[in-house]
PDB file of N, CA and C in Angstrom:
ATOM      1  N   MET A   1       0.028 -17.193   1.327  1.00  0.00           N
ATOM      2  CA  MET A   1      -0.906 -16.191   0.956  1.00  0.00           C
ATOM      3  C   MET A   1      -2.336 -16.318   1.023  1.00  0.00           C
ATOM      4  N   LEU A   2      -2.744 -17.467   0.723  1.00  0.00           N
ATOM      5  CA  LEU A   2      -4.683 -17.266   0.865  1.00  0.00           C
ATOM      6  C   LEU A   2      -4.706 -16.822   2.611  1.00  0.00           C
ATOM      7  N   THR A   3      -4.013 -16.892   3.137  1.00  0.00           N
ATOM      8  CA  THR A   3      -4.638 -16.289   4.724  1.00  0.00           C
ATOM      9  C   THR A   3      -4.807 -14.958   5.101  1.00  0.00           C
ATOM     10  N   PHE A   4      -3.164 -14.808   3.967  1.00  0.00           N
ATOM     11  CA  PHE A   4      -3.297 -13.191   3.987  1.00  0.00           C
ATOM     12  C   PHE A   4      -4.568 -12.587   3.783  1.00  0.00           C
ATOM     13  N   LEU A   5      -4.862 -12.636   2.419  1.00  0.00           N
ATOM     14  CA  LEU A   5      -6.137 -12.498   1.367  1.00  0.00           C
ATOM     15  C   LEU A   5      -7.365 -12.715   2.088  1.00  0.00           C
ATOM     16  N   ASP A   6      -7.347 -13.397   2.838  1.00  0.00           N
ATOM     17  CA  ASP A   6      -8.229 -13.769   4.015  1.00  0.00           C
ATOM     18  C   ASP A   6      -8.329 -13.003   4.767  1.00  0.00           C
ATOM     19  N   ASP A   7      -7.306 -12.077   5.419  1.00  0.00           N
ATOM     20  CA  ASP A   7      -7.401 -11.424   6.374  1.00  0.00           C
ATOM     21  C   ASP A   7      -7.582 -10.209   5.907  1.00  0.00           C
ATOM     22  N   ILE A   8      -7.616  -9.602   4.807  1.00  0.00           N
ATOM     23  CA  ILE A   8      -7.996  -8.577   4.216  1.00  0.00           C
ATOM     24  C   ILE A   8      -9.518  -8.259   3.784  1.00  0.00           C
ATOM     25  N   ASN A   9      -9.976 -10.010   3.360  1.00  0.00           N
ATOM     26  CA  ASN A   9     -11.136  -9.588   3.026  1.00  0.00           C
ATOM     27  C   ASN A   9     -12.240  -9.510   4.434  1.00  0.00           C
ATOM     28  N   GLN A  10     -11.525 -10.152   5.682  1.00  0.00           N
ATOM     29  CA  GLN A  10     -12.695 -10.051   6.570  1.00  0.00           C
ATOM     30  C   GLN A  10     -12.252  -8.337   7.332  1.00  0.00           C
ATOM     31  N   PHE A  11     -11.298  -8.359   7.139  1.00  0.00           N
ATOM     32  CA  PHE A  11     -11.062  -6.640   8.074  1.00  0.00           C
ATOM     33  C   PHE A  11     -11.601  -5.896   7.206  1.00  0.00           C
ATOM     34  N   PHE A  12     -11.944  -6.065   5.662  1.00  0.00           N
ATOM     35  CA  PHE A  12     -12.737  -4.996   5.053  1.00  0.00           C
ATOM     36  C   PHE A  12     -14.141  -4.782   5.169  1.00  0.00           C
ATOM     37  N   PHE A  13     -14.086  -6.309   4.108  1.00  0.00           N
ATOM     38  CA  PHE A  13     -15.953  -6.214   3.975  1.00  0.00           C
ATOM     39  C   PHE A  13     -17.087  -6.647   4.809  1.00  0.00           C
ATOM     40  N   PHE A  14     -15.965  -7.037   6.217  1.00  0.00           N
ATOM     41  CA  PHE A  14     -17.118  -8.071   6.879  1.00  0.00           C
ATOM     42  C   PHE A  14     -16.868  -6.654   8.184  1.00  0.00           C
ATOM     43  N   SER A  15     -16.427  -4.934   8.442  1.00  0.00           N
ATOM     44  CA  SER A  15     -16.494  -4.406  10.025  1.00  0.00           C
ATOM     45  C   SER A  15     -16.349  -2.795   9.035  1.00  0.00           C
ATOM     46  N   ARG A  16     -18.209  -2.636   8.774  1.00  0.00           N
ATOM     47  CA  ARG A  16     -18.070  -1.010   8.256  1.00  0.00           C
ATOM     48  C   ARG A  16     -17.856  -0.360   8.718  1.00  0.00           C
ATOM     49  N   LYS A  17     -17.806  -0.510  10.249  1.00  0.00           N
ATOM     50  CA  LYS A  17     -16.968   0.890  11.381  1.00  0.00           C
ATOM     51  C   LYS A  17     -15.884   1.074  10.649  1.00  0.00           C
ATOM     52  N   LEU A  18     -14.739   0.158  10.581  1.00  0.00           N
ATOM     53  CA  LEU A  18     -13.585   0.005   9.976  1.00  0.00           C
ATOM     54  C   LEU A  18     -13.396   0.862   8.374  1.00  0.00           C
ATOM     55  N   ARG A  19     -14.614   0.629   7.719  1.00  0.00           N
ATOM     56  CA  ARG A  19     -14.195   1.529   6.813  1.00  0.00           C
ATOM     57  C   ARG A  19     -14.304   3.005   6.039  1.00  0.00           C
ATOM     58  N   ARG A  20     -14.934   3.367   7.420  1.00  0.00           N
ATOM     59  CA  ARG A  20     -15.421   4.955   7.355  1.00  0.00           C
ATOM     60  C   ARG A  20     -14.253   5.667   7.379  1.00  0.00           C
ATOM     61  N   HIS A  21     -13.128   5.727   7.547  1.00  0.00           N
ATOM     62  CA  HIS A  21     -12.094   6.590   7.924  1.00  0.00           C
ATOM     63  C   HIS A  21     -11.122   6.350   6.991  1.00  0.00           C
ATOM     64  N   PHE A  22     -10.433   7.373   5.998  1.00  0.00           N
ATOM     65  CA  PHE A  22      -9.746   7.099   5.411  1.00  0.00           C
ATOM     66  C   PHE A  22      -7.909   6.662   5.800  1.00  0.00           C
ATOM     67  N   SER A  23      -7.867   6.443   7.012  1.00  0.00           N
ATOM     68  CA  SER A  23      -6.981   5.717   7.359  1.00  0.00           C
ATOM     69  C   SER A  23      -7.093   4.332   7.099  1.00  0.00           C
ATOM     70  N   GLN A  24      -8.013   3.659   7.383  1.00  0.00           N
ATOM     71  CA  GLN A  24      -8.580   2.529   7.667  1.00  0.00           C
ATOM     72  C   GLN A  24      -8.620   2.247   6.315  1.00  0.00           C
ATOM     73  N   LYS A  25      -9.141   2.934   4.961  1.00  0.00           N
ATOM     74  CA  LYS A  25      -8.766   2.571   3.734  1.00  0.00           C
ATOM     75  C   LYS A  25      -7.352   2.524   3.440  1.00  0.00           C
ATOM     76  N   SER A  26      -6.800   3.750   3.804  1.00  0.00           N
ATOM     77  CA  SER A  26      -5.155   3.451   2.632  1.00  0.00           C
ATOM     78  C   SER A  26      -4.575   2.345   4.080  1.00  0.00           C
ATOM     79  N   LEU A  27      -4.853   1.800   5.194  1.00  0.00           N
ATOM     80  CA  LEU A  27      -4.474   0.206   5.391  1.00  0.00           C
ATOM     81  C   LEU A  27      -4.849  -0.805   4.166  1.00  0.00           C
ATOM     82  N   LEU A  28      -5.572  -0.789   4.338  1.00  0.00           N
ATOM     83  CA  LEU A  28      -6.398  -1.593   3.193  1.00  0.00           C
ATOM     84  C   LEU A  28      -5.273  -1.417   1.913  1.00  0.00           C
ATOM     85  N   LEU A  29      -5.443  -0.609   1.159  1.00  0.00           N
ATOM     86  CA  LEU A  29      -4.693  -0.636   0.352  1.00  0.00           C
ATOM     87  C   LEU A  29      -3.106  -0.930   0.546  1.00  0.00           C
ATOM     88  N   LEU A  30      -2.359  -0.369   1.154  1.00  0.00           N
ATOM     89  CA  LEU A  30      -0.768  -1.004   1.422  1.00  0.00           C
ATOM     90  C   LEU A  30      -0.800  -2.499   1.685  1.00  0.00           C
ATOM     91  N   SER A  31      -2.410  -3.227   2.611  1.00  0.00           N
ATOM     92  CA  SER A  31      -1.988  -4.314   2.794  1.00  0.00           C
ATOM     93  C   SER A  31      -2.301  -4.913   1.381  1.00  0.00           C
ATOM     94  N   ILE A  32      -2.953  -4.513   0.562  1.00  0.00           N
ATOM     95  CA  ILE A  32      -3.293  -5.022  -0.778  1.00  0.00           C
ATOM     96  C   ILE A  32      -2.242  -4.931  -1.719  1.00  0.00           C
ATOM     97  N   ASN A  33      -1.280  -3.912  -2.275  1.00  0.00           N
ATOM     98  CA  ASN A  33      -0.066  -3.164  -2.436  1.00  0.00           C
ATOM     99  C   ASN A  33       1.321  -4.709  -1.893  1.00  0.00           C
ATOM    100  N   LEU A  34       1.214  -4.887  -0.706  1.00  0.00           N
ATOM    101  CA  LEU A  34       2.185  -5.731  -0.393  1.00  0.00           C
ATOM    102  C   LEU A  34       1.619  -7.510  -0.204  1.00  0.00           C
ATOM    103  N   LEU A  35       0.356  -7.286  -0.499  1.00  0.00           N
ATOM    104  CA  LEU A  35       0.375  -8.742  -0.716  1.00  0.00           C
ATOM    105  C   LEU A  35       0.778  -9.218  -1.638  1.00  0.00           C
ATOM    106  N   PHE A  36       0.905  -7.909  -3.254  1.00  0.00           N
ATOM    107  CA  PHE A  36       1.130  -8.373  -4.757  1.00  0.00           C
ATOM    108  C   PHE A  36       2.844  -8.337  -4.838  1.00  0.00           C
ATOM    109  N   VAL A  37       3.763  -7.707  -3.556  1.00  0.00           N
ATOM    110  CA  VAL A  37       4.790  -7.702  -3.091  1.00  0.00           C
ATOM    111  C   VAL A  37       5.288  -9.347  -2.986  1.00  0.00           C
ATOM    112  N   ASN A  38       4.338  -9.667  -2.250  1.00  0.00           N
ATOM    113  CA  ASN A  38       4.815 -11.186  -1.372  1.00  0.00           C
ATOM    114  C   ASN A  38       4.629 -11.849  -2.586  1.00  0.00           C
ATOM    115  N   ILE A  39       3.559 -12.268  -3.371  1.00  0.00           N
ATOM    116  CA  ILE A  39       3.157 -12.870  -4.386  1.00  0.00           C
ATOM    117  C   ILE A  39       4.496 -12.992  -5.423  1.00  0.00           C
ATOM    118  N   LEU A  40       4.524 -11.580  -6.141  1.00  0.00           N
ATOM    119  CA  LEU A  40       5.480 -11.356  -7.028  1.00  0.00           C
ATOM    120  C   LEU A  40       6.861 -12.509  -6.335  1.00  0.00           C
ATOM    121  N   PHE A  41       7.496 -11.631  -5.128  1.00  0.00           N
ATOM    122  CA  PHE A  41       8.436 -12.364  -4.512  1.00  0.00           C
ATOM    123  C   PHE A  41       8.554 -13.449  -4.659  1.00  0.00           C
ATOM    124  N   SER A  42       7.530 -14.659  -4.421  1.00  0.00           N
ATOM    125  CA  SER A  42       7.308 -15.579  -4.114  1.00  0.00           C
ATOM    126  C   SER A  42       6.983 -16.267  -5.918  1.00  0.00           C
ATOM    127  N   ILE A  43       6.877 -15.908  -6.622  1.00  0.00           N
ATOM    128  CA  ILE A  43       7.333 -16.085  -8.392  1.00  0.00           C
ATOM    129  C   ILE A  43       8.459 -16.100  -8.493  1.00  0.00           C
ATOM    130  N   ILE A  44       9.677 -15.328  -8.251  1.00  0.00           N
ATOM    131  CA  ILE A  44      10.933 -15.097  -8.494  1.00  0.00           C
ATOM    132  C   ILE A  44      11.670 -16.530  -7.882  1.00  0.00           C
ATOM    133  N   GLY A  45      11.183 -16.971  -7.050  1.00  0.00           N
ATOM    134  CA  GLY A  45      11.587 -18.156  -6.233  1.00  0.00           C
ATOM    135  C   GLY A  45      11.333 -18.950  -7.607  1.00  0.00           C
ATOM    136  N   LEU A  46      10.506 -19.413  -8.124  1.00  0.00           N
ATOM    137  CA  LEU A  46       9.966 -20.639  -8.423  1.00  0.00           C
ATOM    138  C   LEU A  46      11.266 -20.355  -9.633  1.00  0.00           C
ATOM    139  N   ASP A  47      11.980 -21.579 -10.459  1.00  0.00           N
ATOM    140  CA  ASP A  47      13.276 -22.068 -11.205  1.00  0.00           C
ATOM    141  C   ASP A  47      12.441 -22.213 -12.858  1.00  0.00           C
ATOM    142  N   ILE A  48      10.899 -21.476 -13.284  1.00  0.00           N
ATOM    143  CA  ILE A  48      10.296 -20.984 -14.686  1.00  0.00           C
ATOM    144  C   ILE A  48      10.731 -20.103 -15.014  1.00  0.00           C
ATOM    145  N   VAL A  49      11.073 -19.212 -14.457  1.00  0.00           N
ATOM    146  CA  VAL A  49      10.816 -18.240 -15.043  1.00  0.00           C
ATOM    147  C   VAL A  49      12.020 -17.353 -15.970  1.00  0.00           C
ATOM    148  N   THR A  50      11.646 -16.950 -17.049  1.00  0.00           N
ATOM    149  CA  THR A  50      12.578 -17.056 -18.748  1.00  0.00           C
ATOM    150  C   THR A  50      12.770 -15.262 -18.417  1.00  0.00           C
ATOM    151  N   HIS A  51      13.228 -14.880 -19.416  1.00  0.00           N
ATOM    152  CA  HIS A  51      13.743 -13.505 -19.635  1.00  0.00           C
ATOM    153  C   HIS A  51      12.845 -12.619 -19.657  1.00  0.00           C
ATOM    154  N   LEU A  52      11.709 -12.974 -20.440  1.00  0.00           N
ATOM    155  CA  LEU A  52      10.472 -11.871 -20.860  1.00  0.00           C
ATOM    156  C   LEU A  52       9.835 -11.981 -19.335  1.00  0.00           C
ATOM    157  N   SER A  53       9.644 -12.948 -18.714  1.00  0.00           N
ATOM    158  CA  SER A  53       9.059 -13.272 -17.131  1.00  0.00           C
ATOM    159  C   SER A  53       9.331 -12.201 -16.739  1.00  0.00           C
ATOM    160  N   CYS A  54      11.102 -12.062 -16.234  1.00  0.00           N
ATOM    161  CA  CYS A  54      12.331 -11.721 -15.252  1.00  0.00           C
ATOM    162  C   CYS A  54      11.813 -10.257 -15.295  1.00  0.00           C
ATOM    163  N   ILE A  55      11.436  -9.403 -16.608  1.00  0.00           N
ATOM    164  CA  ILE A  55      11.677  -8.018 -17.132  1.00  0.00           C
ATOM    165  C   ILE A  55       9.769  -7.992 -16.269  1.00  0.00           C
ATOM    166  N   ILE A  56       8.817  -8.649 -16.977  1.00  0.00           N
ATOM    167  CA  ILE A  56       7.993  -8.329 -16.107  1.00  0.00           C
ATOM    168  C   ILE A  56       7.781  -8.521 -14.616  1.00  0.00           C
ATOM    169  N   ILE A  57       8.100  -9.823 -14.040  1.00  0.00           N
ATOM    170  CA  ILE A  57       7.476  -9.843 -12.790  1.00  0.00           C
ATOM    171  C   ILE A  57       8.754  -8.530 -12.203  1.00  0.00           C
ATOM    172  N   ALA A  58      10.103  -7.974 -12.263  1.00  0.00           N
ATOM    173  CA  ALA A  58      10.422  -7.533 -11.997  1.00  0.00           C
ATOM    174  C   ALA A  58      10.254  -5.771 -12.093  1.00  0.00           C
ATOM    175  N   SER A  59       9.539  -5.294 -12.950  1.00  0.00           N
ATOM    176  CA  SER A  59       8.587  -4.247 -13.376  1.00  0.00           C
ATOM    177  C   SER A  59       7.681  -3.911 -12.252  1.00  0.00           C
ATOM    178  N   LEU A  60       6.903  -4.975 -12.582  1.00  0.00           N
ATOM    179  CA  LEU A  60       5.641  -5.085 -11.398  1.00  0.00           C
ATOM    180  C   LEU A  60       5.982  -4.972 -10.021  1.00  0.00           C
ATOM    181  N   LEU A  61       7.093  -6.092  -9.786  1.00  0.00           N
ATOM    182  CA  LEU A  61       7.935  -5.734  -8.564  1.00  0.00           C
ATOM    183  C   LEU A  61       7.941  -4.353  -7.623  1.00  0.00           C
ATOM    184  N   HIS A  62       8.812  -3.405  -8.419  1.00  0.00           N
ATOM    185  CA  HIS A  62       9.289  -2.425  -8.353  1.00  0.00           C
ATOM    186  C   HIS A  62       8.490  -1.561  -8.472  1.00  0.00           C
ATOM    187  N   TYR A  63       7.073  -1.630  -9.020  1.00  0.00           N
ATOM    188  CA  TYR A  63       5.555  -0.965  -8.989  1.00  0.00           C
ATOM    189  C   TYR A  63       5.387  -0.742  -7.637  1.00  0.00           C
ATOM    190  N   PHE A  64       4.908  -2.245  -7.390  1.00  0.00           N
ATOM    191  CA  PHE A  64       4.396  -2.057  -5.947  1.00  0.00           C
ATOM    192  C   PHE A  64       5.155  -1.738  -5.181  1.00  0.00           C
ATOM    193  N   VAL A  65       6.004  -2.001  -4.757  1.00  0.00           N
ATOM    194  CA  VAL A  65       7.353  -1.786  -3.746  1.00  0.00           C
ATOM    195  C   VAL A  65       6.853  -0.340  -3.740  1.00  0.00           C
ATOM    196  N   LEU A  66       7.042   0.516  -4.575  1.00  0.00           N
ATOM    197  CA  LEU A  66       7.227   1.785  -5.006  1.00  0.00           C
ATOM    198  C   LEU A  66       5.804   2.318  -4.269  1.00  0.00           C
ATOM    199  N   SER A  67       4.748   1.853  -4.368  1.00  0.00           N
ATOM    200  CA  SER A  67       3.081   2.219  -4.447  1.00  0.00           C
ATOM    201  C   SER A  67       3.039   1.842  -2.747  1.00  0.00           C
ATOM    202  N   SER A  68       3.797   0.939  -2.410  1.00  0.00           N
ATOM    203  CA  SER A  68       3.855   1.118  -0.796  1.00  0.00           C
ATOM    204  C   SER A  68       4.534   1.558  -0.007  1.00  0.00           C
ATOM    205  N   PHE A  69       5.611   2.150  -0.797  1.00  0.00           N
ATOM    206  CA  PHE A  69       6.184   3.332  -0.005  1.00  0.00           C
ATOM    207  C   PHE A  69       5.397   4.808   0.456  1.00  0.00           C
ATOM    208  N   SER A  70       4.673   4.738  -0.845  1.00  0.00           N
ATOM    209  CA  SER A  70       3.859   5.900  -1.284  1.00  0.00           C
ATOM    210  C   SER A  70       2.674   5.819  -0.111  1.00  0.00           C
ATOM    211  N   TRP A  71       2.106   4.841  -0.140  1.00  0.00           N
ATOM    212  CA  TRP A  71       0.501   4.410   0.850  1.00  0.00           C
ATOM    213  C   TRP A  71       1.494   4.424   2.466  1.00  0.00           C
ATOM    214  N   MET A  72       2.587   4.391   2.458  1.00  0.00           N
ATOM    215  CA  MET A  72       3.488   4.718   4.740  1.00  0.00           C
ATOM    216  C   MET A  72       3.187   6.062   4.216  1.00  0.00           C
ATOM    217  N   PHE A  73       3.837   6.572   3.163  1.00  0.00           N
ATOM    218  CA  PHE A  73       3.325   8.212   3.316  1.00  0.00           C
ATOM    219  C   PHE A  73       2.820   8.688   3.972  1.00  0.00           C
ATOM    220  N   ILE A  74       1.244   8.442   2.848  1.00  0.00           N
ATOM    221  CA  ILE A  74       0.048   8.914   3.464  1.00  0.00           C
ATOM    222  C   ILE A  74      -0.513   8.318   4.367  1.00  0.00           C
ATOM    223  N   MET A  75       0.179   7.150   4.933  1.00  0.00           N
ATOM    224  CA  MET A  75      -0.286   7.213   6.068  1.00  0.00           C
ATOM    225  C   MET A  75       0.034   8.136   7.300  1.00  0.00           C
ATOM    226  N   ALA A  76       1.483   8.249   7.222  1.00  0.00           N
ATOM    227  CA  ALA A  76       2.338   9.281   7.747  1.00  0.00           C
ATOM    228  C   ALA A  76       1.531  10.229   7.860  1.00  0.00           C
ATOM    229  N   LEU A  77       1.298  11.077   6.718  1.00  0.00           N
ATOM    230  CA  LEU A  77       0.447  12.320   6.723  1.00  0.00           C
ATOM    231  C   LEU A  77      -1.310  12.376   7.395  1.00  0.00           C
ATOM    232  N   ILE A  78      -1.410  11.232   7.523  1.00  0.00           N
ATOM    233  CA  ILE A  78      -3.061  10.836   7.890  1.00  0.00           C
ATOM    234  C   ILE A  78      -2.542  11.148   9.601  1.00  0.00           C
ATOM    235  N   GLN A  79      -1.478  10.569   9.841  1.00  0.00           N
ATOM    236  CA  GLN A  79      -1.515  10.600  11.714  1.00  0.00           C
ATOM    237  C   GLN A  79      -1.030  12.184  11.881  1.00  0.00           C
ATOM    238  N   TYR A  80      -0.407  12.621  11.125  1.00  0.00           N
ATOM    239  CA  TYR A  80      -0.090  14.066  11.001  1.00  0.00           C
ATOM    240  C   TYR A  80      -1.062  15.155  11.132  1.00  0.00           C
ATOM    241  N   LEU A  81      -1.749  14.734  10.107  1.00  0.00           N
ATOM    242  CA  LEU A  81      -3.605  15.509   9.998  1.00  0.00           C
ATOM    243  C   LEU A  81      -4.383  15.230  11.376  1.00  0.00           C
ATOM    244  N   LEU A  82      -4.373  13.919  11.702  1.00  0.00           N
ATOM    245  CA  LEU A  82      -5.037  13.537  13.395  1.00  0.00           C
ATOM    246  C   LEU A  82      -4.171  14.145  14.482  1.00  0.00           C
ATOM    247  N   PHE A  83      -2.922  14.109  14.140  1.00  0.00           N
ATOM    248  CA  PHE A  83      -2.242  14.200  15.834  1.00  0.00           C
ATOM    249  C   PHE A  83      -1.415  16.017  16.658  1.00  0.00           C
ATOM    250  N   VAL A  84      -1.334  16.124  15.370  1.00  0.00           N
ATOM    251  CA  VAL A  84      -0.468  17.106  14.577  1.00  0.00           C
ATOM    252  C   VAL A  84      -1.468  18.820  14.805  1.00  0.00           C
ATOM    253  N   LYS A  85      -1.803  18.700  13.851  1.00  0.00           N
ATOM    254  CA  LYS A  85      -2.787  20.012  13.729  1.00  0.00           C
ATOM    255  C   LYS A  85      -3.816  20.741  14.684  1.00  0.00           C
ATOM    256  N   VAL A  86      -3.499  21.729  15.073  1.00  0.00           N
ATOM    257  CA  VAL A  86      -4.163  22.114  15.940  1.00  0.00           C
ATOM    258  C   VAL A  86      -6.076  22.294  15.563  1.00  0.00           C
ATOM    259  N   PHE A  87      -6.246  23.092  13.685  1.00  0.00           N
ATOM    260  CA  PHE A  87      -7.182  23.328  14.010  1.00  0.00           C
ATOM    261  C   PHE A  87      -7.346  22.510  12.718  1.00  0.00           C
ATOM    262  N   PRO A  88      -7.963  21.127  12.799  1.00  0.00           N
ATOM    263  CA  PRO A  88      -8.009  20.297  11.338  1.00  0.00           C
ATOM    264  C   PRO A  88      -9.250  21.129  10.224  1.00  0.00           C
ATOM    265  N   ARG A  89      -8.482  20.931   9.194  1.00  0.00           N
ATOM    266  CA  ARG A  89      -9.259  21.187   7.685  1.00  0.00           C
ATOM    267  C   ARG A  89      -9.005  19.689   7.260  1.00  0.00           C
ATOM    268  N   SER A  90     -10.971  19.461   6.993  1.00  0.00           N
ATOM    269  CA  SER A  90     -10.462  18.537   5.941  1.00  0.00           C
ATOM    270  C   SER A  90     -10.398  18.636   4.532  1.00  0.00           C
ATOM    271  N   ILE A  91      -9.807  17.770   3.924  1.00  0.00           N
ATOM    272  CA  ILE A  91      -9.548  18.120   2.633  1.00  0.00           C
ATOM    273  C   ILE A  91     -10.649  16.880   1.266  1.00  0.00           C
ATOM    274  N   SER A  92     -11.560  17.528   0.878  1.00  0.00           N
ATOM    275  CA  SER A  92     -12.099  17.159   0.260  1.00  0.00           C
ATOM    276  C   SER A  92     -11.795  16.035  -0.843  1.00  0.00           C
ATOM    277  N   ALA A  93     -12.265  14.656  -0.785  1.00  0.00           N
ATOM    278  CA  ALA A  93     -11.792  13.353  -1.600  1.00  0.00           C
ATOM    279  C   ALA A  93     -10.922  12.855  -1.339  1.00  0.00           C
ATOM    280  N   PHE A  94      -9.948  13.345  -0.305  1.00  0.00           N
ATOM    281  CA  PHE A  94      -9.027  13.109   0.122  1.00  0.00           C
ATOM    282  C   PHE A  94      -7.940  11.494  -0.513  1.00  0.00           C
ATOM    283  N   THR A  95      -9.173  10.738   0.139  1.00  0.00           N
ATOM    284  CA  THR A  95      -9.007   8.749  -0.272  1.00  0.00           C
ATOM    285  C   THR A  95      -8.898   9.006  -1.772  1.00  0.00           C
ATOM    286  N   ARG A  96      -9.737   9.715  -2.063  1.00  0.00           N
ATOM    287  CA  ARG A  96      -9.373   9.940  -4.194  1.00  0.00           C
ATOM    288  C   ARG A  96      -7.925  10.014  -4.940  1.00  0.00           C
ATOM    289  N   LYS A  97      -7.594  11.077  -3.874  1.00  0.00           N
ATOM    290  CA  LYS A  97      -6.346  11.805  -4.476  1.00  0.00           C
ATOM    291  C   LYS A  97      -5.085  11.546  -4.196  1.00  0.00           C
ATOM    292  N   ALA A  98      -5.706  10.580  -2.690  1.00  0.00           N
ATOM    293  CA  ALA A  98      -4.221   9.639  -2.142  1.00  0.00           C
ATOM    294  C   ALA A  98      -3.879   8.647  -2.986  1.00  0.00           C
ATOM    295  N   ALA A  99      -5.287   7.815  -3.218  1.00  0.00           N
ATOM    296  CA  ALA A  99      -5.172   6.666  -4.472  1.00  0.00           C
ATOM    297  C   ALA A  99      -4.420   6.818  -5.637  1.00  0.00           C
ATOM    298  N   VAL A 100      -4.461   8.199  -5.910  1.00  0.00           N
ATOM    299  CA  VAL A 100      -4.564   8.501  -7.642  1.00  0.00           C
ATOM    300  C   VAL A 100      -2.486   9.408  -6.863  1.00  0.00           C
ATOM    301  N   PHE A 101      -2.328   9.652  -6.149  1.00  0.00           N
ATOM    302  CA  PHE A 101      -0.692  10.066  -6.172  1.00  0.00           C
ATOM    303  C   PHE A 101      -0.197   8.811  -5.700  1.00  0.00           C
ATOM    304  N   ALA A 102      -0.507   7.414  -5.107  1.00  0.00           N
ATOM    305  CA  ALA A 102      -0.031   6.167  -4.558  1.00  0.00           C
ATOM    306  C   ALA A 102      -0.262   5.321  -5.978  1.00  0.00           C
ATOM    307  N   GLN A 103      -0.834   5.417  -6.913  1.00  0.00           N
ATOM    308  CA  GLN A 103      -1.133   4.017  -7.705  1.00  0.00           C
ATOM    309  C   GLN A 103      -0.492   4.629  -8.774  1.00  0.00           C
ATOM    310  N   CYS A 104      -1.059   6.243  -9.362  1.00  0.00           N
ATOM    311  CA  CYS A 104      -0.222   6.335 -10.487  1.00  0.00           C
ATOM    312  C   CYS A 104       1.049   6.979 -10.603  1.00  0.00           C
ATOM    313  N   LYS A 105       1.371   7.512  -9.637  1.00  0.00           N
ATOM    314  CA  LYS A 105       2.371   8.166 -10.216  1.00  0.00           C
ATOM    315  C   LYS A 105       3.397   7.406 -10.639  1.00  0.00           C
ATOM    316  N   HIS A 106       3.428   6.355  -9.550  1.00  0.00           N
ATOM    317  CA  HIS A 106       5.177   5.212 -10.274  1.00  0.00           C
ATOM    318  C   HIS A 106       4.882   4.457 -11.307  1.00  0.00           C
ATOM    319  N   LEU A 107       3.498   5.044 -12.052  1.00  0.00           N
ATOM    320  CA  LEU A 107       3.776   4.345 -13.357  1.00  0.00           C
ATOM    321  C   LEU A 107       4.829   4.636 -14.228  1.00  0.00           C
ATOM    322  N   LYS A 108       4.672   6.285 -14.073  1.00  0.00           N
ATOM    323  CA  LYS A 108       5.694   7.444 -14.968  1.00  0.00           C
ATOM    324  C   LYS A 108       6.995   6.289 -14.810  1.00  0.00           C
ATOM    325  N   ILE A 109       7.422   6.163 -13.657  1.00  0.00           N
ATOM    326  CA  ILE A 109       8.917   5.578 -13.538  1.00  0.00           C
ATOM    327  C   ILE A 109       8.726   4.190 -13.374  1.00  0.00           C
ATOM    328  N   VAL A 110       8.137   3.585 -13.730  1.00  0.00           N
ATOM    329  CA  VAL A 110       8.427   2.087 -14.032  1.00  0.00           C
ATOM    330  C   VAL A 110       8.225   2.314 -15.332  1.00  0.00           C
ATOM    331  N   GLY A 111       7.207   2.983 -15.874  1.00  0.00           N
ATOM    332  CA  GLY A 111       7.511   2.784 -17.648  1.00  0.00           C
ATOM    333  C   GLY A 111       8.722   3.342 -18.214  1.00  0.00           C
ATOM    334  N   PHE A 112       9.176   4.277 -18.024  1.00  0.00           N
ATOM    335  CA  PHE A 112      10.552   5.131 -17.757  1.00  0.00           C
ATOM    336  C   PHE A 112      11.817   4.263 -17.996  1.00  0.00           C
ATOM    337  N   ARG A 113      11.391   3.388 -16.771  1.00  0.00           N
ATOM    338  CA  ARG A 113      12.254   2.629 -16.298  1.00  0.00           C
ATOM    339  C   ARG A 113      12.610   1.626 -18.158  1.00  0.00           C
ATOM    340  N   LEU A 114      11.035   0.975 -18.610  1.00  0.00           N
ATOM    341  CA  LEU A 114      11.467   0.000 -18.658  1.00  0.00           C
ATOM    342  C   LEU A 114      11.654   0.436 -20.407  1.00  0.00           C
ATOM    343  N   CYS A 115      11.325   1.704 -20.588  1.00  0.00           N
ATOM    344  CA  CYS A 115      11.770   2.216 -21.887  1.00  0.00           C
ATOM    345  C   CYS A 115      13.411   2.023 -22.113  1.00  0.00           C
ATOM    346  N   ILE A 116      14.071   2.278 -21.052  1.00  0.00           N
ATOM    347  CA  ILE A 116      15.312   2.349 -20.881  1.00  0.00           C
ATOM    348  C   ILE A 116      15.771   1.200 -21.363  1.00  0.00           C
ATOM    349  N   VAL A 117      15.322  -0.130 -20.810  1.00  0.00           N
ATOM    350  CA  VAL A 117      15.928  -1.319 -20.807  1.00  0.00           C
ATOM    351  C   VAL A 117      15.477  -1.645 -22.504  1.00  0.00           C
ATOM    352  N   TYR A 118      14.142  -1.085 -22.489  1.00  0.00           N
ATOM    353  CA  TYR A 118      14.339  -1.651 -24.193  1.00  0.00           C
ATOM    354  C   TYR A 118      15.321  -0.727 -24.872  1.00  0.00           C
ATOM    355  N   ARG A 119      15.078   0.262 -24.897  1.00  0.00           N
ATOM    356  CA  ARG A 119      16.194   0.712 -25.929  1.00  0.00           C
ATOM    357  C   ARG A 119      17.950   0.496 -25.845  1.00  0.00           C
ATOM    358  N   ARG A 120      17.930  -0.083 -24.735  1.00  0.00           N
ATOM    359  CA  ARG A 120      19.786  -0.230 -24.586  1.00  0.00           C
ATOM    360  C   ARG A 120      19.567  -1.941 -25.013  1.00  0.00           C
ATOM    361  N   LYS A 121      18.675  -2.817 -24.729  1.00  0.00           N
ATOM    362  CA  LYS A 121      18.893  -4.172 -25.637  1.00  0.00           C
ATOM    363  C   LYS A 121      18.311  -4.235 -27.223  1.00  0.00           C
ATOM    364  N   ASN A 122      18.060  -2.976 -27.995  1.00  0.00           N
ATOM    365  CA  ASN A 122      17.906  -2.612 -29.019  1.00  0.00           C
ATOM    366  C   ASN A 122      18.972  -2.002 -29.565  1.00  0.00           C
TER     367      ASN A 122
END
């Protein structure tokens, strides 16, 4: 996993040319989300997981998997805008809007699920 993190650092921080376009930024954020999915999945394999930590890890894993799917959708949208649209229009602050969509949208879903689990327990 450290090599994956090192690859992300080399990809983003050492190549300015790749940081200019928003498709490369979305690829970086997708890679970071998948890194967290791998880390959390590896933590599940340890035998030191208690009930509370299991709920926390499962909710974080749920969140990062959902946000990874959102980043894949955003990358597909970027490919559509690049290859299919005949008359391209620029979307102002596209990367910021995409990040809010991909990262913040799923907080409501995971929070709602945690509320349901908490109410069933009590």
